[in-house]
Amino acid sequence: MKEEKVILVNEKDEPIGLMPKMEAHEKALLHRAFSVFIFNDKNELMLQQRALGKYHSPGLWTNTCCSHQREGESNIEAGMRRLQEEMGFSVPLEESISFIYKAPFDNGLTEHEFDHILLGKFNNEPNINREEVADWKWMPLEDVKVDIEQHPETYTAWFKVIFDKFYEHININS
């Protein structure tokens, strides 16, 4: 399987080139990404626990799914594709906010992303891809906030950044 390429961008999210995903993470270069947040009618967030075989942040809890856009793919198209690949369902998504973050990992890789937040609604059980996802659960936003404060080591770096800085934007019923 050919390695995925990420879209390198500047601080205005303008594409400046393509690079293999691993190389971009090794060099900590800014690239486009997205994070999907799926809520149910009780305003609970669907969290996923990353598969133990992931090359970074294995076994950590995070938002419903996330990944990188492919060349020529819109944020929404990318989010819907990856939601289906990881969680086994598809729902309409809407764009919320975007921001830049940088998070180094213990393995020498660094996420440096222009991250687009995508929101959607779903009230059923996902059909998770075990190669991508170890587990999942619904959790009220307030409980997530408290749990991150009490157990930050169990969550991914980007999820903590999003939750800390952009809580009011992901809380779609506020």
C-alpha atoms as a PDB file:
ATOM      1  CA  MET A   1       0.000   0.000   0.000  1.00  0.00           C
ATOM      2  CA  LYS A   2       1.305   3.417  -1.012  1.00  0.00           C
ATOM      3  CA  GLU A   3       1.939   5.861   1.828  1.00  0.00           C
ATOM      4  CA  GLU A   4      -0.621   8.624   2.181  1.00  0.00           C
ATOM      5  CA  LYS A   5       0.519  12.130   1.355  1.00  0.00           C
ATOM      6  CA  VAL A   6      -0.536  15.149   3.371  1.00  0.00           C
ATOM      7  CA  ILE A   7      -1.207  18.630   2.048  1.00  0.00           C
ATOM      8  CA  LEU A   8       1.425  21.060   3.298  1.00  0.00           C
ATOM      9  CA  VAL A   9      -0.079  24.492   3.989  1.00  0.00           C
ATOM     10  CA  ASN A  10       0.942  27.929   5.189  1.00  0.00           C
ATOM     11  CA  GLU A  11      -0.650  29.746   8.150  1.00  0.00           C
ATOM     12  CA  LYS A  12      -3.555  30.812   5.885  1.00  0.00           C
ATOM     13  CA  ASP A  13      -4.329  27.155   5.005  1.00  0.00           C
ATOM     14  CA  GLU A  14      -3.122  27.712   1.441  1.00  0.00           C
ATOM     15  CA  PRO A  15      -1.619  24.544  -0.097  1.00  0.00           C
ATOM     16  CA  ILE A  16       2.132  24.738  -0.725  1.00  0.00           C
ATOM     17  CA  GLY A  17       2.872  21.119  -1.651  1.00  0.00           C
ATOM     18  CA  LEU A  18       2.436  17.430  -0.877  1.00  0.00           C
ATOM     19  CA  MET A  19       4.609  15.205   1.310  1.00  0.00           C
ATOM     20  CA  PRO A  20       4.448  11.641   2.595  1.00  0.00           C
ATOM     21  CA  LYS A  21       2.623  11.656   5.940  1.00  0.00           C
ATOM     22  CA  MET A  22       5.466  10.140   7.953  1.00  0.00           C
ATOM     23  CA  GLU A  23       8.022  12.607   6.546  1.00  0.00           C
ATOM     24  CA  ALA A  24       5.777  15.570   7.412  1.00  0.00           C
ATOM     25  CA  HIS A  25       5.479  14.261  10.986  1.00  0.00           C
ATOM     26  CA  GLU A  26       9.245  13.654  11.225  1.00  0.00           C
ATOM     27  CA  LYS A  27       9.997  17.199  10.006  1.00  0.00           C
ATOM     28  CA  ALA A  28       7.119  18.806  11.971  1.00  0.00           C
ATOM     29  CA  LEU A  29       5.864  20.630   8.873  1.00  0.00           C
ATOM     30  CA  LEU A  30       2.481  22.349   8.930  1.00  0.00           C
ATOM     31  CA  HIS A  31      -0.147  20.305   7.085  1.00  0.00           C
ATOM     32  CA  ARG A  32      -3.921  20.169   6.717  1.00  0.00           C
ATOM     33  CA  ALA A  33      -5.962  17.858   8.960  1.00  0.00           C
ATOM     34  CA  PHE A  34      -9.476  17.442  10.300  1.00  0.00           C
ATOM     35  CA  SER A  35     -11.105  16.268  13.524  1.00  0.00           C
ATOM     36  CA  VAL A  36     -14.667  14.912  13.514  1.00  0.00           C
ATOM     37  CA  PHE A  37     -16.919  15.286  16.571  1.00  0.00           C
ATOM     38  CA  ILE A  38     -20.129  13.233  16.504  1.00  0.00           C
ATOM     39  CA  PHE A  39     -22.868  13.953  19.043  1.00  0.00           C
ATOM     40  CA  ASN A  40     -26.081  12.120  19.846  1.00  0.00           C
ATOM     41  CA  ASP A  41     -29.427  13.694  20.772  1.00  0.00           C
ATOM     42  CA  LYS A  42     -28.400  13.727  24.465  1.00  0.00           C
ATOM     43  CA  ASN A  43     -25.449  15.983  23.526  1.00  0.00           C
ATOM     44  CA  GLU A  44     -23.019  13.176  24.347  1.00  0.00           C
ATOM     45  CA  LEU A  45     -19.793  13.025  22.359  1.00  0.00           C
ATOM     46  CA  MET A  46     -18.738   9.784  20.683  1.00  0.00           C
ATOM     47  CA  LEU A  47     -15.146   9.143  21.750  1.00  0.00           C
ATOM     48  CA  GLN A  48     -12.843   6.600  20.208  1.00  0.00           C
ATOM     49  CA  GLN A  49      -9.913   4.810  21.771  1.00  0.00           C
ATOM     50  CA  ARG A  50      -7.135   4.598  19.207  1.00  0.00           C
ATOM     51  CA  ALA A  51      -6.041   1.101  18.229  1.00  0.00           C
ATOM     52  CA  LEU A  52      -3.018  -0.245  20.083  1.00  0.00           C
ATOM     53  CA  GLY A  53      -1.145  -0.674  16.785  1.00  0.00           C
ATOM     54  CA  LYS A  54      -1.216   3.032  15.849  1.00  0.00           C
ATOM     55  CA  TYR A  55       2.237   4.582  15.296  1.00  0.00           C
ATOM     56  CA  HIS A  56       1.502   7.419  17.712  1.00  0.00           C
ATOM     57  CA  SER A  57      -0.921   7.851  20.606  1.00  0.00           C
ATOM     58  CA  PRO A  58      -1.944   4.154  20.653  1.00  0.00           C
ATOM     59  CA  GLY A  59      -4.666   3.290  23.167  1.00  0.00           C
ATOM     60  CA  LEU A  60      -5.464   6.934  23.949  1.00  0.00           C
ATOM     61  CA  TRP A  61      -8.983   8.366  23.897  1.00  0.00           C
ATOM     62  CA  THR A  62      -9.813  11.080  21.394  1.00  0.00           C
ATOM     63  CA  ASN A  63     -12.593  12.628  19.325  1.00  0.00           C
ATOM     64  CA  THR A  64     -14.757  10.468  17.058  1.00  0.00           C
ATOM     65  CA  CYS A  65     -12.195  10.340  14.247  1.00  0.00           C
ATOM     66  CA  CYS A  66      -9.510  12.396  12.587  1.00  0.00           C
ATOM     67  CA  SER A  67      -7.101  12.236   9.690  1.00  0.00           C
ATOM     68  CA  HIS A  68      -5.735  14.197   6.746  1.00  0.00           C
ATOM     69  CA  GLN A  69      -7.427  15.474   3.615  1.00  0.00           C
ATOM     70  CA  ARG A  70      -6.265  14.057   0.302  1.00  0.00           C
ATOM     71  CA  GLU A  71      -5.348  16.274  -2.634  1.00  0.00           C
ATOM     72  CA  GLY A  72      -8.539  17.626  -4.229  1.00  0.00           C
ATOM     73  CA  GLU A  73     -10.749  16.483  -1.332  1.00  0.00           C
ATOM     74  CA  SER A  74     -12.848  18.962   0.646  1.00  0.00           C
ATOM     75  CA  ASN A  75     -12.804  18.971   4.445  1.00  0.00           C
ATOM     76  CA  ILE A  76     -16.343  17.520   4.498  1.00  0.00           C
ATOM     77  CA  GLU A  77     -15.540  14.806   1.919  1.00  0.00           C
ATOM     78  CA  ALA A  78     -12.422  13.823   3.883  1.00  0.00           C
ATOM     79  CA  GLY A  79     -14.319  13.730   7.176  1.00  0.00           C
ATOM     80  CA  MET A  80     -17.100  11.587   5.755  1.00  0.00           C
ATOM     81  CA  ARG A  81     -14.596   9.199   4.128  1.00  0.00           C
ATOM     82  CA  ARG A  82     -12.628   8.708   7.325  1.00  0.00           C
ATOM     83  CA  LEU A  83     -15.723   8.446   9.530  1.00  0.00           C
ATOM     84  CA  GLN A  84     -16.844   5.530   7.342  1.00  0.00           C
ATOM     85  CA  GLU A  85     -13.356   3.934   7.328  1.00  0.00           C
ATOM     86  CA  GLU A  86     -12.805   4.184  11.087  1.00  0.00           C
ATOM     87  CA  MET A  87     -16.262   4.118  12.673  1.00  0.00           C
ATOM     88  CA  GLY A  88     -18.328   2.351   9.991  1.00  0.00           C
ATOM     89  CA  PHE A  89     -21.045   4.955   9.441  1.00  0.00           C
ATOM     90  CA  SER A  90     -21.686   8.141   7.523  1.00  0.00           C
ATOM     91  CA  VAL A  91     -23.648  11.251   8.480  1.00  0.00           C
ATOM     92  CA  PRO A  92     -23.770  14.795   7.147  1.00  0.00           C
ATOM     93  CA  LEU A  93     -20.998  16.941   8.619  1.00  0.00           C
ATOM     94  CA  GLU A  94     -20.673  20.685   9.030  1.00  0.00           C
ATOM     95  CA  GLU A  95     -17.545  22.768   9.395  1.00  0.00           C
ATOM     96  CA  SER A  96     -17.044  24.574  12.677  1.00  0.00           C
ATOM     97  CA  ILE A  97     -13.698  26.211  13.408  1.00  0.00           C
ATOM     98  CA  SER A  98     -10.082  25.669  12.431  1.00  0.00           C
ATOM     99  CA  PHE A  99      -6.803  26.339  14.215  1.00  0.00           C
ATOM    100  CA  ILE A 100      -3.104  25.505  14.173  1.00  0.00           C
ATOM    101  CA  TYR A 101      -1.503  23.333  16.834  1.00  0.00           C
ATOM    102  CA  LYS A 102       1.834  21.636  17.347  1.00  0.00           C
ATOM    103  CA  ALA A 103       2.285  18.540  19.527  1.00  0.00           C
ATOM    104  CA  PRO A 104       5.552  16.555  19.791  1.00  0.00           C
ATOM    105  CA  PHE A 105       5.358  12.853  20.677  1.00  0.00           C
ATOM    106  CA  ASP A 106       7.703  10.587  22.608  1.00  0.00           C
ATOM    107  CA  ASN A 107       8.590   8.678  19.421  1.00  0.00           C
ATOM    108  CA  GLY A 108      10.233  11.727  17.782  1.00  0.00           C
ATOM    109  CA  LEU A 109       7.273  12.575  15.548  1.00  0.00           C
ATOM    110  CA  THR A 110       5.408  15.879  15.742  1.00  0.00           C
ATOM    111  CA  GLU A 111       1.876  16.782  14.754  1.00  0.00           C
ATOM    112  CA  HIS A 112       1.890  20.302  13.323  1.00  0.00           C
ATOM    113  CA  GLU A 113      -1.526  20.726  11.851  1.00  0.00           C
ATOM    114  CA  PHE A 114      -3.985  23.218  10.488  1.00  0.00           C
ATOM    115  CA  ASP A 115      -6.943  21.338  11.964  1.00  0.00           C
ATOM    116  CA  HIS A 116     -10.521  21.741  10.715  1.00  0.00           C
ATOM    117  CA  ILE A 117     -13.251  20.792  13.209  1.00  0.00           C
ATOM    118  CA  LEU A 118     -16.241  18.968  11.697  1.00  0.00           C
ATOM    119  CA  LEU A 119     -19.486  18.299  13.579  1.00  0.00           C
ATOM    120  CA  GLY A 120     -22.246  15.748  13.049  1.00  0.00           C
ATOM    121  CA  LYS A 121     -25.165  13.925  14.714  1.00  0.00           C
ATOM    122  CA  PHE A 122     -25.649  10.159  15.124  1.00  0.00           C
ATOM    123  CA  ASN A 123     -27.699   8.088  17.567  1.00  0.00           C
ATOM    124  CA  ASN A 124     -26.700   4.498  16.865  1.00  0.00           C
ATOM    125  CA  GLU A 125     -23.750   2.224  17.526  1.00  0.00           C
ATOM    126  CA  PRO A 126     -20.766   2.458  15.193  1.00  0.00           C
ATOM    127  CA  ASN A 127     -19.303  -0.544  13.380  1.00  0.00           C
ATOM    128  CA  ILE A 128     -15.671   0.142  14.309  1.00  0.00           C
ATOM    129  CA  ASN A 129     -12.645  -0.859  12.238  1.00  0.00           C
ATOM    130  CA  ARG A 130     -10.476  -2.775  14.730  1.00  0.00           C
ATOM    131  CA  GLU A 131      -7.284  -1.821  12.846  1.00  0.00           C
ATOM    132  CA  GLU A 132      -8.027   1.834  13.638  1.00  0.00           C
ATOM    133  CA  VAL A 133     -10.165   1.793  16.781  1.00  0.00           C
ATOM    134  CA  ALA A 134      -9.808  -0.260  19.985  1.00  0.00           C
ATOM    135  CA  ASP A 135     -13.054   0.899  21.611  1.00  0.00           C
ATOM    136  CA  TRP A 136     -15.651   3.686  21.673  1.00  0.00           C
ATOM    137  CA  LYS A 137     -18.140   5.271  24.071  1.00  0.00           C
ATOM    138  CA  TRP A 138     -20.652   8.098  24.424  1.00  0.00           C
ATOM    139  CA  MET A 139     -19.744  10.670  27.071  1.00  0.00           C
ATOM    140  CA  PRO A 140     -21.405  13.936  28.162  1.00  0.00           C
ATOM    141  CA  LEU A 141     -19.187  16.935  27.415  1.00  0.00           C
ATOM    142  CA  GLU A 142     -18.992  17.986  31.056  1.00  0.00           C
ATOM    143  CA  ASP A 143     -17.789  14.494  32.002  1.00  0.00           C
ATOM    144  CA  VAL A 144     -15.150  14.603  29.255  1.00  0.00           C
ATOM    145  CA  LYS A 145     -13.945  17.974  30.548  1.00  0.00           C
ATOM    146  CA  VAL A 146     -13.599  16.644  34.121  1.00  0.00           C
ATOM    147  CA  ASP A 147     -11.944  13.413  32.986  1.00  0.00           C
ATOM    148  CA  ILE A 148      -9.348  15.283  30.914  1.00  0.00           C
ATOM    149  CA  GLU A 149      -8.501  17.376  33.987  1.00  0.00           C
ATOM    150  CA  GLN A 150      -8.197  14.280  36.189  1.00  0.00           C
ATOM    151  CA  HIS A 151      -6.585  11.882  33.678  1.00  0.00           C
ATOM    152  CA  PRO A 152      -4.882  13.919  30.921  1.00  0.00           C
ATOM    153  CA  GLU A 153      -2.490  11.063  30.117  1.00  0.00           C
ATOM    154  CA  THR A 154      -5.376   8.976  28.737  1.00  0.00           C
ATOM    155  CA  TYR A 155      -6.224  11.483  25.946  1.00  0.00           C
ATOM    156  CA  THR A 156      -4.501  12.486  22.700  1.00  0.00           C
ATOM    157  CA  ALA A 157      -2.588  15.766  22.550  1.00  0.00           C
ATOM    158  CA  TRP A 158      -4.802  17.309  19.852  1.00  0.00           C
ATOM    159  CA  PHE A 159      -8.011  16.391  21.645  1.00  0.00           C
ATOM    160  CA  LYS A 160      -6.825  18.141  24.823  1.00  0.00           C
ATOM    161  CA  VAL A 161      -5.907  21.257  22.796  1.00  0.00           C
ATOM    162  CA  ILE A 162      -9.286  21.313  21.061  1.00  0.00           C
ATOM    163  CA  PHE A 163     -11.176  20.722  24.268  1.00  0.00           C
ATOM    164  CA  ASP A 164      -9.250  23.327  26.249  1.00  0.00           C
ATOM    165  CA  LYS A 165      -9.354  26.149  23.701  1.00  0.00           C
ATOM    166  CA  PHE A 166     -12.494  25.480  21.711  1.00  0.00           C
ATOM    167  CA  TYR A 167     -14.978  23.879  24.074  1.00  0.00           C
ATOM    168  CA  GLU A 168     -17.681  26.447  23.294  1.00  0.00           C
ATOM    169  CA  HIS A 169     -17.389  25.746  19.545  1.00  0.00           C
ATOM    170  CA  ILE A 170     -17.707  21.965  19.802  1.00  0.00           C
ATOM    171  CA  ASN A 171     -20.604  22.131  22.242  1.00  0.00           C
ATOM    172  CA  ILE A 172     -23.226  22.232  19.496  1.00  0.00           C
ATOM    173  CA  ASN A 173     -26.179  22.624  21.852  1.00  0.00           C
ATOM    174  CA  SER A 174     -24.816  25.625  23.724  1.00  0.00           C
END
